[in-house]
Amino acid sequence: MTATESDLNINGTEVMETTGLDAGPRIGWILEVLLKEVNTNSIENENERLRKRAKILSELKDIELQELSQPIKENNGELRKWIERSLQIFGLFGIIYTVYSGEMPWDWL
């Protein structure tokens, strides 16, 4: 089941207390990253762990934090499948060729 922001065991006020940041977009970005990490099982949805991670995230530059907070692209799974298939069939050469040529190596078959 996918967690929502209300399912997180931390809220914006706690993030501000933990990080020393004022209310603003950085708090929202941190919450988005935490939610994404909980949903990908990168971190447990436990208050103390989330607070520690929020503190680490607060030290990132705005652009880094904003990039991390972006939603996971839906084609991420497709890219992973493509890389795995390329490695299975053509090895590293297949990936390098595809990156530089824009062709799918299994089109050669």
Protein backbone atom coordinates (compact mmCIF):
# COMPACT_ATOMS: atom_id res chain seq x y z
CA MET A 1 0.00 0.00 0.00
CA THR A 2 1.34 3.40 -0.92
CA ALA A 3 1.69 5.81 1.98
CA THR A 4 0.45 9.39 1.75
CA GLU A 5 1.88 12.41 3.53
CA SER A 6 -0.68 11.99 6.32
CA ASP A 7 0.64 8.43 6.86
CA LEU A 8 4.17 9.70 7.58
CA ASN A 9 5.19 9.49 11.22
CA ILE A 10 6.54 13.04 11.00
CA ASN A 11 4.92 16.34 10.07
CA GLY A 12 6.06 19.76 8.95
CA THR A 13 6.24 21.15 12.48
CA GLU A 14 8.50 18.29 13.56
CA VAL A 15 10.69 18.80 10.50
CA MET A 16 11.06 22.49 11.41
CA GLU A 17 11.89 21.61 15.04
CA THR A 18 14.44 18.99 13.96
CA THR A 19 16.14 21.01 11.25
CA GLY A 20 15.85 24.54 12.58
CA LEU A 21 14.35 25.63 9.25
CA ASP A 22 11.49 28.11 8.99
CA ALA A 23 8.25 27.31 7.22
CA GLY A 24 8.70 27.34 3.48
CA PRO A 25 9.18 25.19 0.41
CA ARG A 26 12.21 23.34 1.87
CA ILE A 27 9.95 21.75 4.50
CA GLY A 28 7.60 20.51 1.78
CA TRP A 29 10.50 19.17 -0.28
CA ILE A 30 11.87 17.31 2.74
CA LEU A 31 8.46 15.77 3.44
CA GLU A 32 8.16 14.73 -0.22
CA VAL A 33 11.57 13.05 -0.13
CA LEU A 34 10.71 11.27 3.12
CA LEU A 35 7.42 10.07 1.67
CA LYS A 36 9.14 8.80 -1.47
CA GLU A 37 11.76 7.01 0.62
CA VAL A 38 9.11 5.40 2.83
CA ASN A 39 7.20 4.25 -0.27
CA THR A 40 10.32 2.73 -1.82
CA ASN A 41 11.27 1.09 1.49
CA SER A 42 14.49 3.11 1.66
CA ILE A 43 13.64 4.16 5.22
CA GLU A 44 11.28 2.92 7.89
CA ASN A 45 8.27 5.07 8.70
CA GLU A 46 9.54 5.61 12.23
CA ASN A 47 9.63 9.10 13.74
CA GLU A 48 13.22 9.03 15.01
CA ARG A 49 14.60 7.68 11.71
CA LEU A 50 12.58 10.23 9.74
CA ARG A 51 13.89 13.05 11.96
CA LYS A 52 17.49 11.95 11.39
CA ARG A 53 16.94 11.75 7.66
CA ALA A 54 15.19 15.16 7.65
CA LYS A 55 18.25 16.66 9.36
CA ILE A 56 20.54 15.21 6.68
CA LEU A 57 18.23 16.41 3.88
CA SER A 58 18.12 19.92 5.36
CA GLU A 59 21.84 20.26 4.69
CA LEU A 60 21.39 19.82 0.92
CA LYS A 61 21.33 22.77 -1.46
CA ASP A 62 17.91 23.90 -2.65
CA ILE A 63 18.37 22.51 -6.15
CA GLU A 64 19.49 19.09 -4.84
CA LEU A 65 16.58 18.88 -2.41
CA GLN A 66 14.11 20.01 -5.05
CA GLU A 67 15.37 17.36 -7.50
CA LEU A 68 15.10 14.63 -4.88
CA SER A 69 11.54 15.67 -4.08
CA GLN A 70 10.34 15.23 -7.66
CA PRO A 71 7.95 12.31 -8.20
CA ILE A 72 9.43 9.05 -9.41
CA LYS A 73 9.05 8.91 -13.16
CA GLU A 74 6.68 6.20 -14.33
CA ASN A 75 9.13 5.03 -16.95
CA ASN A 76 11.73 4.25 -14.29
CA GLY A 77 10.66 0.60 -14.36
CA GLU A 78 10.83 0.57 -18.15
CA LEU A 79 14.37 1.96 -18.05
CA ARG A 80 15.43 -0.70 -15.56
CA LYS A 81 13.91 -3.44 -17.76
CA TRP A 82 15.67 -1.99 -20.81
CA ILE A 83 19.05 -1.94 -19.03
CA GLU A 84 18.63 -5.49 -17.73
CA ARG A 85 17.58 -6.77 -21.17
CA SER A 86 20.46 -4.96 -22.88
CA LEU A 87 22.95 -6.43 -20.43
CA GLN A 88 21.53 -9.92 -20.89
CA ILE A 89 21.62 -9.81 -24.65
CA PHE A 90 24.49 -7.53 -25.58
CA GLY A 91 26.45 -6.84 -22.41
CA LEU A 92 27.94 -3.47 -21.70
CA PHE A 93 28.62 -2.84 -25.40
CA GLY A 94 24.86 -2.92 -26.07
CA ILE A 95 24.17 -0.22 -23.52
CA ILE A 96 27.04 1.98 -24.70
CA TYR A 97 25.96 1.61 -28.33
CA THR A 98 22.34 2.40 -27.47
CA VAL A 99 23.21 5.48 -25.46
CA TYR A 100 25.29 6.90 -28.29
CA SER A 101 23.12 5.79 -31.22
CA GLY A 102 19.62 6.03 -29.78
CA GLU A 103 18.77 2.61 -31.30
CA MET A 104 17.45 -0.29 -29.29
CA PRO A 105 19.94 -3.16 -29.62
CA TRP A 106 17.26 -5.85 -29.78
CA ASP A 107 16.05 -4.20 -32.99
CA TRP A 108 19.16 -5.85 -34.51
CA LEU A 109 17.69 -9.31 -33.92
